[in-house]
Amino acid sequence: QVQLEESGGGLVQPGGSLTLSCAASGSIFSINGMRWFRQAPGKQRELVAARNNGGGTDYADSVKGRFIISRYDAKNTVYLQMNSLKPEETAVYYCNALGYYKTDSITKMFDSWGQGTQVTVSS
């Protein structure tokens, strides 16, 4: 199977920046897309940013112009650069990846999630 490990969360002041990383490991055959979600206390999980295999990106309206999703294909790693952070963006940020993994001589689809990393925006 495929495992995802996030890092880079922490405490940042309003207006500050933070970069999250998510590394995929396992018997990966291919990754079709990687996404970042977040979930604030008492709220539903929401899509923040996505990047597909062709390099196309998509962002939630609330983060457009401030967040950048990028991917280092050789290391199966995706990053989320977050700028001008706001207190209301305090949440657990989750990485998600979709693709195919190898098992024996068969490739199967995977839809994996990381454990989440806490981002707190506060003065």
PDB file of N, CA and C in Angstrom:
ATOM      1  N   GLN A   1       0.848  -1.188   0.000  1.00  0.00           N
ATOM      2  CA  GLN A   1       0.000   0.000   0.000  1.00  0.00           C
ATOM      3  C   GLN A   1       0.879   1.232   0.000  1.00  0.00           C
ATOM      4  N   VAL A   2       0.237   2.357   0.123  1.00  0.00           N
ATOM      5  CA  VAL A   2       0.952   3.627   0.064  1.00  0.00           C
ATOM      6  C   VAL A   2       0.698   4.410   1.348  1.00  0.00           C
ATOM      7  N   GLN A   3       1.772   4.918   1.910  1.00  0.00           N
ATOM      8  CA  GLN A   3       1.673   5.712   3.130  1.00  0.00           C
ATOM      9  C   GLN A   3       2.062   7.160   2.825  1.00  0.00           C
ATOM     10  N   LEU A   4       1.395   8.081   3.529  1.00  0.00           N
ATOM     11  CA  LEU A   4       1.694   9.497   3.397  1.00  0.00           C
ATOM     12  C   LEU A   4       2.139  10.040   4.750  1.00  0.00           C
ATOM     13  N   GLU A   5       3.159  10.858   4.743  1.00  0.00           N
ATOM     14  CA  GLU A   5       3.643  11.460   5.979  1.00  0.00           C
ATOM     15  C   GLU A   5       3.776  12.960   5.782  1.00  0.00           C
ATOM     16  N   GLU A   6       3.000  13.718   6.569  1.00  0.00           N
ATOM     17  CA  GLU A   6       3.044  15.176   6.502  1.00  0.00           C
ATOM     18  C   GLU A   6       4.024  15.723   7.527  1.00  0.00           C
ATOM     19  N   SER A   7       4.527  16.902   7.236  1.00  0.00           N
ATOM     20  CA  SER A   7       5.380  17.611   8.178  1.00  0.00           C
ATOM     21  C   SER A   7       5.299  19.100   7.891  1.00  0.00           C
ATOM     22  N   GLY A   8       5.782  19.894   8.841  1.00  0.00           N
ATOM     23  CA  GLY A   8       5.863  21.330   8.612  1.00  0.00           C
ATOM     24  C   GLY A   8       4.838  22.164   9.342  1.00  0.00           C
ATOM     25  N   GLY A   9       3.908  21.514  10.026  1.00  0.00           N
ATOM     26  CA  GLY A   9       2.917  22.283  10.763  1.00  0.00           C
ATOM     27  C   GLY A   9       3.524  22.958  11.980  1.00  0.00           C
ATOM     28  N   GLY A  10       2.749  23.850  12.580  1.00  0.00           N
ATOM     29  CA  GLY A  10       3.236  24.530  13.771  1.00  0.00           C
ATOM     30  C   GLY A  10       2.453  25.786  14.059  1.00  0.00           C
ATOM     31  N   LEU A  11       3.035  26.623  14.895  1.00  0.00           N
ATOM     32  CA  LEU A  11       2.418  27.890  15.293  1.00  0.00           C
ATOM     33  C   LEU A  11       3.021  29.025  14.471  1.00  0.00           C
ATOM     34  N   VAL A  12       2.155  29.852  13.927  1.00  0.00           N
ATOM     35  CA  VAL A  12       2.625  30.986  13.131  1.00  0.00           C
ATOM     36  C   VAL A  12       1.744  32.188  13.446  1.00  0.00           C
ATOM     37  N   GLN A  13       2.317  33.371  13.383  1.00  0.00           N
ATOM     38  CA  GLN A  13       1.549  34.580  13.662  1.00  0.00           C
ATOM     39  C   GLN A  13       0.695  34.948  12.456  1.00  0.00           C
ATOM     40  N   PRO A  14      -0.402  35.648  12.676  1.00  0.00           N
ATOM     41  CA  PRO A  14      -1.212  36.129  11.550  1.00  0.00           C
ATOM     42  C   PRO A  14      -0.356  36.925  10.566  1.00  0.00           C
ATOM     43  N   GLY A  15      -0.570  36.648   9.292  1.00  0.00           N
ATOM     44  CA  GLY A  15       0.233  37.289   8.259  1.00  0.00           C
ATOM     45  C   GLY A  15       1.511  36.551   7.933  1.00  0.00           C
ATOM     46  N   GLY A  16       1.822  35.530   8.700  1.00  0.00           N
ATOM     47  CA  GLY A  16       3.044  34.767   8.497  1.00  0.00           C
ATOM     48  C   GLY A  16       2.897  33.687   7.435  1.00  0.00           C
ATOM     49  N   SER A  17       3.987  32.954   7.249  1.00  0.00           N
ATOM     50  CA  SER A  17       4.037  31.909   6.228  1.00  0.00           C
ATOM     51  C   SER A  17       4.470  30.582   6.834  1.00  0.00           C
ATOM     52  N   LEU A  18       4.049  29.536   6.182  1.00  0.00           N
ATOM     53  CA  LEU A  18       4.396  28.189   6.603  1.00  0.00           C
ATOM     54  C   LEU A  18       4.363  27.302   5.371  1.00  0.00           C
ATOM     55  N   THR A  19       5.263  26.331   5.307  1.00  0.00           N
ATOM     56  CA  THR A  19       5.255  25.383   4.197  1.00  0.00           C
ATOM     57  C   THR A  19       5.099  23.968   4.739  1.00  0.00           C
ATOM     58  N   LEU A  20       4.081  23.280   4.245  1.00  0.00           N
ATOM     59  CA  LEU A  20       3.833  21.892   4.613  1.00  0.00           C
ATOM     60  C   LEU A  20       4.411  20.963   3.550  1.00  0.00           C
ATOM     61  N   SER A  21       4.837  19.797   3.992  1.00  0.00           N
ATOM     62  CA  SER A  21       5.348  18.778   3.086  1.00  0.00           C
ATOM     63  C   SER A  21       4.592  17.480   3.296  1.00  0.00           C
ATOM     64  N   CYS A  22       4.476  16.702   2.232  1.00  0.00           N
ATOM     65  CA  CYS A  22       3.827  15.395   2.312  1.00  0.00           C
ATOM     66  C   CYS A  22       4.588  14.446   1.400  1.00  0.00           C
ATOM     67  N   ALA A  23       5.149  13.415   1.991  1.00  0.00           N
ATOM     68  CA  ALA A  23       5.922  12.438   1.237  1.00  0.00           C
ATOM     69  C   ALA A  23       5.176  11.121   1.177  1.00  0.00           C
ATOM     70  N   ALA A  24       5.056  10.585  -0.025  1.00  0.00           N
ATOM     71  CA  ALA A  24       4.403   9.293  -0.238  1.00  0.00           C
ATOM     72  C   ALA A  24       5.454   8.208  -0.351  1.00  0.00           C
ATOM     73  N   SER A  25       5.160   7.081   0.268  1.00  0.00           N
ATOM     74  CA  SER A  25       6.095   5.953   0.204  1.00  0.00           C
ATOM     75  C   SER A  25       5.322   4.650   0.083  1.00  0.00           C
ATOM     76  N   GLY A  26       6.032   3.603  -0.340  1.00  0.00           N
ATOM     77  CA  GLY A  26       5.392   2.306  -0.527  1.00  0.00           C
ATOM     78  C   GLY A  26       5.610   1.809  -1.932  1.00  0.00           C
ATOM     79  N   SER A  27       4.822   0.841  -2.312  1.00  0.00           N
ATOM     80  CA  SER A  27       4.971   0.234  -3.635  1.00  0.00           C
ATOM     81  C   SER A  27       4.212   1.047  -4.683  1.00  0.00           C
ATOM     82  N   ILE A  28       4.670   2.264  -4.867  1.00  0.00           N
ATOM     83  CA  ILE A  28       3.979   3.184  -5.762  1.00  0.00           C
ATOM     84  C   ILE A  28       4.287   2.860  -7.219  1.00  0.00           C
ATOM     85  N   PHE A  29       3.251   2.734  -8.006  1.00  0.00           N
ATOM     86  CA  PHE A  29       3.414   2.584  -9.448  1.00  0.00           C
ATOM     87  C   PHE A  29       3.299   3.936 -10.120  1.00  0.00           C
ATOM     88  N   SER A  30       2.273   4.666  -9.739  1.00  0.00           N
ATOM     89  CA  SER A  30       2.111   6.027 -10.255  1.00  0.00           C
ATOM     90  C   SER A  30       1.197   6.808  -9.328  1.00  0.00           C
ATOM     91  N   ILE A  31       1.395   8.115  -9.312  1.00  0.00           N
ATOM     92  CA  ILE A  31       0.520   9.008  -8.551  1.00  0.00           C
ATOM     93  C   ILE A  31      -0.179   9.925  -9.540  1.00  0.00           C
ATOM     94  N   ASN A  32      -1.490   9.899  -9.538  1.00  0.00           N
ATOM     95  CA  ASN A  32      -2.259  10.709 -10.474  1.00  0.00           C
ATOM     96  C   ASN A  32      -2.478  12.123  -9.971  1.00  0.00           C
ATOM     97  N   GLY A  33      -2.597  12.273  -8.672  1.00  0.00           N
ATOM     98  CA  GLY A  33      -2.844  13.598  -8.116  1.00  0.00           C
ATOM     99  C   GLY A  33      -2.602  13.609  -6.624  1.00  0.00           C
ATOM    100  N   MET A  34      -2.250  14.788  -6.132  1.00  0.00           N
ATOM    101  CA  MET A  34      -2.061  14.962  -4.692  1.00  0.00           C
ATOM    102  C   MET A  34      -2.806  16.210  -4.272  1.00  0.00           C
ATOM    103  N   ARG A  35      -3.415  16.167  -3.090  1.00  0.00           N
ATOM    104  CA  ARG A  35      -4.269  17.250  -2.632  1.00  0.00           C
ATOM    105  C   ARG A  35      -4.011  17.555  -1.164  1.00  0.00           C
ATOM    106  N   TRP A  36      -4.335  18.756  -0.773  1.00  0.00           N
ATOM    107  CA  TRP A  36      -4.312  19.177   0.620  1.00  0.00           C
ATOM    108  C   TRP A  36      -5.726  19.544   1.044  1.00  0.00           C
ATOM    109  N   PHE A  37      -6.114  19.034   2.192  1.00  0.00           N
ATOM    110  CA  PHE A  37      -7.384  19.364   2.818  1.00  0.00           C
ATOM    111  C   PHE A  37      -7.088  19.962   4.192  1.00  0.00           C
ATOM    112  N   ARG A  38      -8.086  20.576   4.782  1.00  0.00           N
ATOM    113  CA  ARG A  38      -7.957  21.018   6.171  1.00  0.00           C
ATOM    114  C   ARG A  38      -9.290  20.861   6.873  1.00  0.00           C
ATOM    115  N   GLN A  39      -9.191  20.689   8.185  1.00  0.00           N
ATOM    116  CA  GLN A  39     -10.403  20.555   8.989  1.00  0.00           C
ATOM    117  C   GLN A  39     -10.213  21.327  10.282  1.00  0.00           C
ATOM    118  N   ALA A  40     -11.031  22.352  10.442  1.00  0.00           N
ATOM    119  CA  ALA A  40     -11.017  23.148  11.668  1.00  0.00           C
ATOM    120  C   ALA A  40     -11.976  22.527  12.678  1.00  0.00           C
ATOM    121  N   PRO A  41     -11.785  22.798  13.958  1.00  0.00           N
ATOM    122  CA  PRO A  41     -12.666  22.232  14.978  1.00  0.00           C
ATOM    123  C   PRO A  41     -14.123  22.564  14.703  1.00  0.00           C
ATOM    124  N   GLY A  42     -14.953  21.539  14.722  1.00  0.00           N
ATOM    125  CA  GLY A  42     -16.381  21.736  14.522  1.00  0.00           C
ATOM    126  C   GLY A  42     -16.800  21.980  13.087  1.00  0.00           C
ATOM    127  N   LYS A  43     -15.871  21.877  12.150  1.00  0.00           N
ATOM    128  CA  LYS A  43     -16.191  22.121  10.749  1.00  0.00           C
ATOM    129  C   LYS A  43     -15.878  20.893   9.906  1.00  0.00           C
ATOM    130  N   GLN A  44     -16.445  20.885   8.703  1.00  0.00           N
ATOM    131  CA  GLN A  44     -16.175  19.784   7.791  1.00  0.00           C
ATOM    132  C   GLN A  44     -14.804  19.938   7.142  1.00  0.00           C
ATOM    133  N   ARG A  45     -14.265  18.825   6.733  1.00  0.00           N
ATOM    134  CA  ARG A  45     -12.997  18.847   6.004  1.00  0.00           C
ATOM    135  C   ARG A  45     -13.230  19.511   4.647  1.00  0.00           C
ATOM    136  N   GLU A  46     -12.324  20.398   4.267  1.00  0.00           N
ATOM    137  CA  GLU A  46     -12.470  21.102   3.006  1.00  0.00           C
ATOM    138  C   GLU A  46     -11.204  20.989   2.166  1.00  0.00           C
ATOM    139  N   LEU A  47     -11.398  20.988   0.851  1.00  0.00           N
ATOM    140  CA  LEU A  47     -10.276  20.949  -0.072  1.00  0.00           C
ATOM    141  C   LEU A  47      -9.606  22.320  -0.104  1.00  0.00           C
ATOM    142  N   VAL A  48      -8.297  22.321   0.034  1.00  0.00           N
ATOM    143  CA  VAL A  48      -7.533  23.568   0.007  1.00  0.00           C
ATOM    144  C   VAL A  48      -6.848  23.748  -1.338  1.00  0.00           C
ATOM    145  N   ALA A  49      -6.146  22.711  -1.795  1.00  0.00           N
ATOM    146  CA  ALA A  49      -5.410  22.814  -3.049  1.00  0.00           C
ATOM    147  C   ALA A  49      -5.199  21.423  -3.624  1.00  0.00           C
ATOM    148  N   ALA A  50      -5.078  21.359  -4.953  1.00  0.00           N
ATOM    149  CA  ALA A  50      -4.875  20.089  -5.629  1.00  0.00           C
ATOM    150  C   ALA A  50      -3.924  20.282  -6.796  1.00  0.00           C
ATOM    151  N   ARG A  51      -3.172  19.219  -7.078  1.00  0.00           N
ATOM    152  CA  ARG A  51      -2.268  19.251  -8.225  1.00  0.00           C
ATOM    153  C   ARG A  51      -2.321  17.895  -8.907  1.00  0.00           C
ATOM    154  N   ASN A  52      -2.583  17.898 -10.224  1.00  0.00           N
ATOM    155  CA  ASN A  52      -2.671  16.633 -10.935  1.00  0.00           C
ATOM    156  C   ASN A  52      -1.343  16.306 -11.619  1.00  0.00           C
ATOM    157  N   ASN A  53      -1.327  15.186 -12.282  1.00  0.00           N
ATOM    158  CA  ASN A  53      -0.105  14.696 -12.917  1.00  0.00           C
ATOM    159  C   ASN A  53       0.414  15.622 -14.007  1.00  0.00           C
ATOM    160  N   GLY A  54      -0.505  16.294 -14.653  1.00  0.00           N
ATOM    161  CA  GLY A  54      -0.093  17.174 -15.741  1.00  0.00           C
ATOM    162  C   GLY A  54       0.388  18.532 -15.283  1.00  0.00           C
ATOM    163  N   GLY A  55       0.388  18.724 -13.970  1.00  0.00           N
ATOM    164  CA  GLY A  55       0.830  20.009 -13.441  1.00  0.00           C
ATOM    165  C   GLY A  55      -0.286  21.000 -13.207  1.00  0.00           C
ATOM    166  N   GLY A  56      -1.511  20.600 -13.549  1.00  0.00           N
ATOM    167  CA  GLY A  56      -2.643  21.482 -13.305  1.00  0.00           C
ATOM    168  C   GLY A  56      -2.922  21.627 -11.827  1.00  0.00           C
ATOM    169  N   THR A  57      -3.335  22.807 -11.418  1.00  0.00           N
ATOM    170  CA  THR A  57      -3.607  23.080 -10.013  1.00  0.00           C
ATOM    171  C   THR A  57      -4.998  23.665  -9.837  1.00  0.00           C
ATOM    172  N   ASP A  58      -5.517  23.493  -8.632  1.00  0.00           N
ATOM    173  CA  ASP A  58      -6.813  24.045  -8.286  1.00  0.00           C
ATOM    174  C   ASP A  58      -6.747  24.465  -6.824  1.00  0.00           C
ATOM    175  N   TYR A  59      -7.392  25.588  -6.515  1.00  0.00           N
ATOM    176  CA  TYR A  59      -7.349  26.120  -5.157  1.00  0.00           C
ATOM    177  C   TYR A  59      -8.740  26.506  -4.688  1.00  0.00           C
ATOM    178  N   ALA A  60      -8.952  26.407  -3.386  1.00  0.00           N
ATOM    179  CA  ALA A  60     -10.165  26.962  -2.798  1.00  0.00           C
ATOM    180  C   ALA A  60     -10.124  28.476  -2.993  1.00  0.00           C
ATOM    181  N   ASP A  61     -11.282  29.066  -3.223  1.00  0.00           N
ATOM    182  CA  ASP A  61     -11.332  30.509  -3.452  1.00  0.00           C
ATOM    183  C   ASP A  61     -10.674  31.288  -2.313  1.00  0.00           C
ATOM    184  N   SER A  62     -10.821  30.792  -1.113  1.00  0.00           N
ATOM    185  CA  SER A  62     -10.335  31.518   0.056  1.00  0.00           C
ATOM    186  C   SER A  62      -8.814  31.589   0.139  1.00  0.00           C
ATOM    187  N   VAL A  63      -8.113  30.733  -0.614  1.00  0.00           N
ATOM    188  CA  VAL A  63      -6.643  30.713  -0.526  1.00  0.00           C
ATOM    189  C   VAL A  63      -5.966  31.144  -1.821  1.00  0.00           C
ATOM    190  N   LYS A  64      -6.734  31.390  -2.861  1.00  0.00           N
ATOM    191  CA  LYS A  64      -6.149  31.785  -4.146  1.00  0.00           C
ATOM    192  C   LYS A  64      -5.308  33.038  -3.985  1.00  0.00           C
ATOM    193  N   GLY A  65      -4.120  33.004  -4.553  1.00  0.00           N
ATOM    194  CA  GLY A  65      -3.218  34.135  -4.474  1.00  0.00           C
ATOM    195  C   GLY A  65      -2.323  34.122  -3.250  1.00  0.00           C
ATOM    196  N   ARG A  66      -2.624  33.240  -2.298  1.00  0.00           N
ATOM    197  CA  ARG A  66      -1.823  33.171  -1.071  1.00  0.00           C
ATOM    198  C   ARG A  66      -1.137  31.820  -0.883  1.00  0.00           C
ATOM    199  N   PHE A  67      -1.760  30.746  -1.341  1.00  0.00           N
ATOM    200  CA  PHE A  67      -1.206  29.407  -1.176  1.00  0.00           C
ATOM    201  C   PHE A  67      -0.691  28.902  -2.527  1.00  0.00           C
ATOM    202  N   ILE A  68       0.358  28.110  -2.471  1.00  0.00           N
ATOM    203  CA  ILE A  68       0.916  27.499  -3.681  1.00  0.00           C
ATOM    204  C   ILE A  68       1.168  26.021  -3.425  1.00  0.00           C
ATOM    205  N   ILE A  69       0.611  25.184  -4.290  1.00  0.00           N
ATOM    206  CA  ILE A  69       0.864  23.753  -4.204  1.00  0.00           C
ATOM    207  C   ILE A  69       1.890  23.393  -5.271  1.00  0.00           C
ATOM    208  N   SER A  70       2.882  22.620  -4.884  1.00  0.00           N
ATOM    209  CA  SER A  70       3.905  22.189  -5.829  1.00  0.00           C
ATOM    210  C   SER A  70       4.275  20.746  -5.525  1.00  0.00           C
ATOM    211  N   ARG A  71       4.927  20.128  -6.480  1.00  0.00           N
ATOM    212  CA  ARG A  71       5.212  18.704  -6.323  1.00  0.00           C
ATOM    213  C   ARG A  71       6.602  18.393  -6.852  1.00  0.00           C
ATOM    214  N   TYR A  72       7.325  17.577  -6.114  1.00  0.00           N
ATOM    215  CA  TYR A  72       8.639  17.098  -6.517  1.00  0.00           C
ATOM    216  C   TYR A  72       8.441  15.642  -6.907  1.00  0.00           C
ATOM    217  N   ASP A  73       8.220  15.404  -8.204  1.00  0.00           N
ATOM    218  CA  ASP A  73       7.819  14.087  -8.668  1.00  0.00           C
ATOM    219  C   ASP A  73       8.824  13.000  -8.313  1.00  0.00           C
ATOM    220  N   ALA A  74      10.103  13.314  -8.415  1.00  0.00           N
ATOM    221  CA  ALA A  74      11.128  12.295  -8.188  1.00  0.00           C
ATOM    222  C   ALA A  74      11.077  11.743  -6.768  1.00  0.00           C
ATOM    223  N   LYS A  75      10.550  12.537  -5.854  1.00  0.00           N
ATOM    224  CA  LYS A  75      10.488  12.090  -4.459  1.00  0.00           C
ATOM    225  C   LYS A  75       9.064  11.847  -4.004  1.00  0.00           C
ATOM    226  N   ASN A  76       8.119  11.861  -4.947  1.00  0.00           N
ATOM    227  CA  ASN A  76       6.716  11.648  -4.602  1.00  0.00           C
ATOM    228  C   ASN A  76       6.296  12.533  -3.431  1.00  0.00           C
ATOM    229  N   THR A  77       6.682  13.772  -3.510  1.00  0.00           N
ATOM    230  CA  THR A  77       6.429  14.712  -2.424  1.00  0.00           C
ATOM    231  C   THR A  77       5.655  15.919  -2.946  1.00  0.00           C
ATOM    232  N   VAL A  78       4.693  16.348  -2.145  1.00  0.00           N
ATOM    233  CA  VAL A  78       3.926  17.550  -2.478  1.00  0.00           C
ATOM    234  C   VAL A  78       4.092  18.558  -1.355  1.00  0.00           C
ATOM    235  N   TYR A  79       4.112  19.824  -1.728  1.00  0.00           N
ATOM    236  CA  TYR A  79       4.290  20.903  -0.770  1.00  0.00           C
ATOM    237  C   TYR A  79       3.101  21.851  -0.828  1.00  0.00           C
ATOM    238  N   LEU A  80       2.861  22.493   0.274  1.00  0.00           N
ATOM    239  CA  LEU A  80       1.852  23.551   0.313  1.00  0.00           C
ATOM    240  C   LEU A  80       2.486  24.763   0.981  1.00  0.00           C
ATOM    241  N   GLN A  81       2.780  25.767   0.174  1.00  0.00           N
ATOM    242  CA  GLN A  81       3.324  27.010   0.702  1.00  0.00           C
ATOM    243  C   GLN A  81       2.157  27.925   1.037  1.00  0.00           C
ATOM    244  N   MET A  82       2.086  28.328   2.292  1.00  0.00           N
ATOM    245  CA  MET A  82       0.962  29.131   2.767  1.00  0.00           C
ATOM    246  C   MET A  82       1.480  30.500   3.209  1.00  0.00           C
ATOM    247  N   ASN A  83       0.967  31.530   2.597  1.00  0.00           N
ATOM    248  CA  ASN A  83       1.382  32.889   2.901  1.00  0.00           C
ATOM    249  C   ASN A  83       0.198  33.689   3.445  1.00  0.00           C
ATOM    250  N   SER A  84       0.511  34.764   4.131  1.00  0.00           N
ATOM    251  CA  SER A  84      -0.514  35.662   4.678  1.00  0.00           C
ATOM    252  C   SER A  84      -1.578  34.879   5.435  1.00  0.00           C
ATOM    253  N   LEU A  85      -1.151  34.049   6.306  1.00  0.00           N
ATOM    254  CA  LEU A  85      -2.077  33.174   7.039  1.00  0.00           C
ATOM    255  C   LEU A  85      -2.982  33.970   7.973  1.00  0.00           C
ATOM    256  N   LYS A  86      -4.198  33.459   8.124  1.00  0.00           N
ATOM    257  CA  LYS A  86      -5.206  34.111   8.947  1.00  0.00           C
ATOM    258  C   LYS A  86      -5.577  33.205  10.123  1.00  0.00           C
ATOM    259  N   PRO A  87      -6.010  33.787  11.231  1.00  0.00           N
ATOM    260  CA  PRO A  87      -6.385  32.966  12.397  1.00  0.00           C
ATOM    261  C   PRO A  87      -7.451  31.916  12.069  1.00  0.00           C
ATOM    262  N   GLU A  88      -8.371  32.262  11.174  1.00  0.00           N
ATOM    263  CA  GLU A  88      -9.438  31.318  10.848  1.00  0.00           C
ATOM    264  C   GLU A  88      -8.941  30.135  10.016  1.00  0.00           C
ATOM    265  N   GLU A  89      -7.671  30.161   9.642  1.00  0.00           N
ATOM    266  CA  GLU A  89      -7.116  29.030   8.912  1.00  0.00           C
ATOM    267  C   GLU A  89      -6.432  28.024   9.842  1.00  0.00           C
ATOM    268  N   THR A  90      -6.595  28.248  11.116  1.00  0.00           N
ATOM    269  CA  THR A  90      -6.144  27.259  12.092  1.00  0.00           C
ATOM    270  C   THR A  90      -6.926  25.974  11.892  1.00  0.00           C
ATOM    271  N   ALA A  91      -6.209  24.878  11.684  1.00  0.00           N
ATOM    272  CA  ALA A  91      -6.867  23.610  11.373  1.00  0.00           C
ATOM    273  C   ALA A  91      -5.822  22.501  11.343  1.00  0.00           C
ATOM    274  N   VAL A  92      -6.312  21.286  11.249  1.00  0.00           N
ATOM    275  CA  VAL A  92      -5.438  20.155  10.932  1.00  0.00           C
ATOM    276  C   VAL A  92      -5.426  20.025   9.415  1.00  0.00           C
ATOM    277  N   TYR A  93      -4.246  20.018   8.850  1.00  0.00           N
ATOM    278  CA  TYR A  93      -4.088  19.923   7.401  1.00  0.00           C
ATOM    279  C   TYR A  93      -3.714  18.486   7.033  1.00  0.00           C
ATOM    280  N   TYR A  94      -4.451  17.949   6.064  1.00  0.00           N
ATOM    281  CA  TYR A  94      -4.269  16.573   5.641  1.00  0.00           C
ATOM    282  C   TYR A  94      -3.816  16.504   4.180  1.00  0.00           C
ATOM    283  N   CYS A  95      -2.955  15.560   3.926  1.00  0.00           N
ATOM    284  CA  CYS A  95      -2.506  15.277   2.563  1.00  0.00           C
ATOM    285  C   CYS A  95      -3.269  14.057   2.045  1.00  0.00           C
ATOM    286  N   ASN A  96      -3.600  14.089   0.763  1.00  0.00           N
ATOM    287  CA  ASN A  96      -4.289  12.977   0.119  1.00  0.00           C
ATOM    288  C   ASN A  96      -3.632  12.707  -1.232  1.00  0.00           C
ATOM    289  N   ALA A  97      -3.480  11.432  -1.565  1.00  0.00           N
ATOM    290  CA  ALA A  97      -2.902  11.066  -2.854  1.00  0.00           C
ATOM    291  C   ALA A  97      -3.723   9.964  -3.502  1.00  0.00           C
ATOM    292  N   LEU A  98      -3.836  10.045  -4.825  1.00  0.00           N
ATOM    293  CA  LEU A  98      -4.565   9.056  -5.615  1.00  0.00           C
ATOM    294  C   LEU A  98      -3.630   8.504  -6.669  1.00  0.00           C
ATOM    295  N   GLY A  99      -3.721   7.205  -6.898  1.00  0.00           N
ATOM    296  CA  GLY A  99      -2.866   6.627  -7.930  1.00  0.00           C
ATOM    297  C   GLY A  99      -2.957   5.125  -7.944  1.00  0.00           C
ATOM    298  N   TYR A 100      -1.854   4.491  -8.328  1.00  0.00           N
ATOM    299  CA  TYR A 100      -1.795   3.036  -8.430  1.00  0.00           C
ATOM    300  C   TYR A 100      -0.553   2.522  -7.689  1.00  0.00           C
ATOM    301  N   TYR A 101      -0.708   1.377  -7.037  1.00  0.00           N
ATOM    302  CA  TYR A 101       0.429   0.736  -6.381  1.00  0.00           C
ATOM    303  C   TYR A 101       0.595  -0.672  -6.931  1.00  0.00           C
ATOM    304  N   LYS A 102       1.768  -1.215  -6.710  1.00  0.00           N
ATOM    305  CA  LYS A 102       2.101  -2.536  -7.217  1.00  0.00           C
ATOM    306  C   LYS A 102       1.939  -3.579  -6.131  1.00  0.00           C
ATOM    307  N   THR A 103       1.306  -4.692  -6.484  1.00  0.00           N
ATOM    308  CA  THR A 103       1.252  -5.833  -5.582  1.00  0.00           C
ATOM    309  C   THR A 103       1.415  -7.076  -6.427  1.00  0.00           C
ATOM    310  N   ASP A 104       2.499  -7.798  -6.208  1.00  0.00           N
ATOM    311  CA  ASP A 104       2.898  -8.903  -7.081  1.00  0.00           C
ATOM    312  C   ASP A 104       2.982  -8.360  -8.501  1.00  0.00           C
ATOM    313  N   SER A 105       2.221  -8.891  -9.408  1.00  0.00           N
ATOM    314  CA  SER A 105       2.279  -8.437 -10.795  1.00  0.00           C
ATOM    315  C   SER A 105       1.052  -7.615 -11.169  1.00  0.00           C
ATOM    316  N   ILE A 106       0.348  -7.177 -10.147  1.00  0.00           N
ATOM    317  CA  ILE A 106      -0.903  -6.459 -10.380  1.00  0.00           C
ATOM    318  C   ILE A 106      -0.775  -5.036  -9.863  1.00  0.00           C
ATOM    319  N   THR A 107      -1.364  -4.097 -10.582  1.00  0.00           N
ATOM    320  CA  THR A 107      -1.437  -2.729 -10.085  1.00  0.00           C
ATOM    321  C   THR A 107      -2.875  -2.457  -9.631  1.00  0.00           C
ATOM    322  N   LYS A 108      -2.990  -1.818  -8.489  1.00  0.00           N
ATOM    323  CA  LYS A 108      -4.294  -1.498  -7.928  1.00  0.00           C
ATOM    324  C   LYS A 108      -4.344  -0.025  -7.581  1.00  0.00           C
ATOM    325  N   MET A 109      -5.552   0.502  -7.561  1.00  0.00           N
ATOM    326  CA  MET A 109      -5.734   1.900  -7.208  1.00  0.00           C
ATOM    327  C   MET A 109      -5.567   2.108  -5.711  1.00  0.00           C
ATOM    328  N   PHE A 110      -5.071   3.267  -5.346  1.00  0.00           N
ATOM    329  CA  PHE A 110      -5.040   3.647  -3.940  1.00  0.00           C
ATOM    330  C   PHE A 110      -5.575   5.059  -3.758  1.00  0.00           C
ATOM    331  N   ASP A 111      -6.084   5.300  -2.593  1.00  0.00           N
ATOM    332  CA  ASP A 111      -6.586   6.615  -2.180  1.00  0.00           C
ATOM    333  C   ASP A 111      -6.154   6.748  -0.725  1.00  0.00           C
ATOM    334  N   SER A 112      -5.002   7.350  -0.512  1.00  0.00           N
ATOM    335  CA  SER A 112      -4.379   7.361   0.814  1.00  0.00           C
ATOM    336  C   SER A 112      -4.414   8.738   1.453  1.00  0.00           C
ATOM    337  N   TRP A 113      -4.456   8.719   2.791  1.00  0.00           N
ATOM    338  CA  TRP A 113      -4.472   9.952   3.583  1.00  0.00           C
ATOM    339  C   TRP A 113      -3.328   9.932   4.585  1.00  0.00           C
ATOM    340  N   GLY A 114      -2.803  11.094   4.853  1.00  0.00           N
ATOM    341  CA  GLY A 114      -1.831  11.237   5.918  1.00  0.00           C
ATOM    342  C   GLY A 114      -2.524  11.378   7.254  1.00  0.00           C
ATOM    343  N   GLN A 115      -1.731  11.443   8.312  1.00  0.00           N
ATOM    344  CA  GLN A 115      -2.290  11.521   9.658  1.00  0.00           C
ATOM    345  C   GLN A 115      -2.690  12.949  10.042  1.00  0.00           C
ATOM    346  N   GLY A 116      -2.258  13.900   9.264  1.00  0.00           N
ATOM    347  CA  GLY A 116      -2.602  15.294   9.528  1.00  0.00           C
ATOM    348  C   GLY A 116      -1.510  16.013  10.297  1.00  0.00           C
ATOM    349  N   THR A 117      -1.408  17.306  10.059  1.00  0.00           N
ATOM    350  CA  THR A 117      -0.460  18.141  10.792  1.00  0.00           C
ATOM    351  C   THR A 117      -1.173  19.424  11.225  1.00  0.00           C
ATOM    352  N   GLN A 118      -0.972  19.793  12.465  1.00  0.00           N
ATOM    353  CA  GLN A 118      -1.688  20.945  13.038  1.00  0.00           C
ATOM    354  C   GLN A 118      -1.035  22.253  12.611  1.00  0.00           C
ATOM    355  N   VAL A 119      -1.853  23.168  12.137  1.00  0.00           N
ATOM    356  CA  VAL A 119      -1.413  24.532  11.842  1.00  0.00           C
ATOM    357  C   VAL A 119      -2.227  25.471  12.719  1.00  0.00           C
ATOM    358  N   THR A 120      -1.541  26.257  13.511  1.00  0.00           N
ATOM    359  CA  THR A 120      -2.198  27.214  14.398  1.00  0.00           C
ATOM    360  C   THR A 120      -1.723  28.614  14.050  1.00  0.00           C
ATOM    361  N   VAL A 121      -2.679  29.468  13.722  1.00  0.00           N
ATOM    362  CA  VAL A 121      -2.361  30.855  13.371  1.00  0.00           C
ATOM    363  C   VAL A 121      -2.865  31.733  14.507  1.00  0.00           C
ATOM    364  N   SER A 122      -1.923  32.259  15.261  1.00  0.00           N
ATOM    365  CA  SER A 122      -2.292  33.024  16.456  1.00  0.00           C
ATOM    366  C   SER A 122      -1.144  33.921  16.871  1.00  0.00           C
ATOM    367  N   SER A 123      -1.508  35.054  17.458  1.00  0.00           N
ATOM    368  CA  SER A 123      -0.494  35.949  17.979  1.00  0.00           C
ATOM    369  C   SER A 123      -0.248  35.675  19.457  1.00  0.00           C
TER     370      SER A 123
END
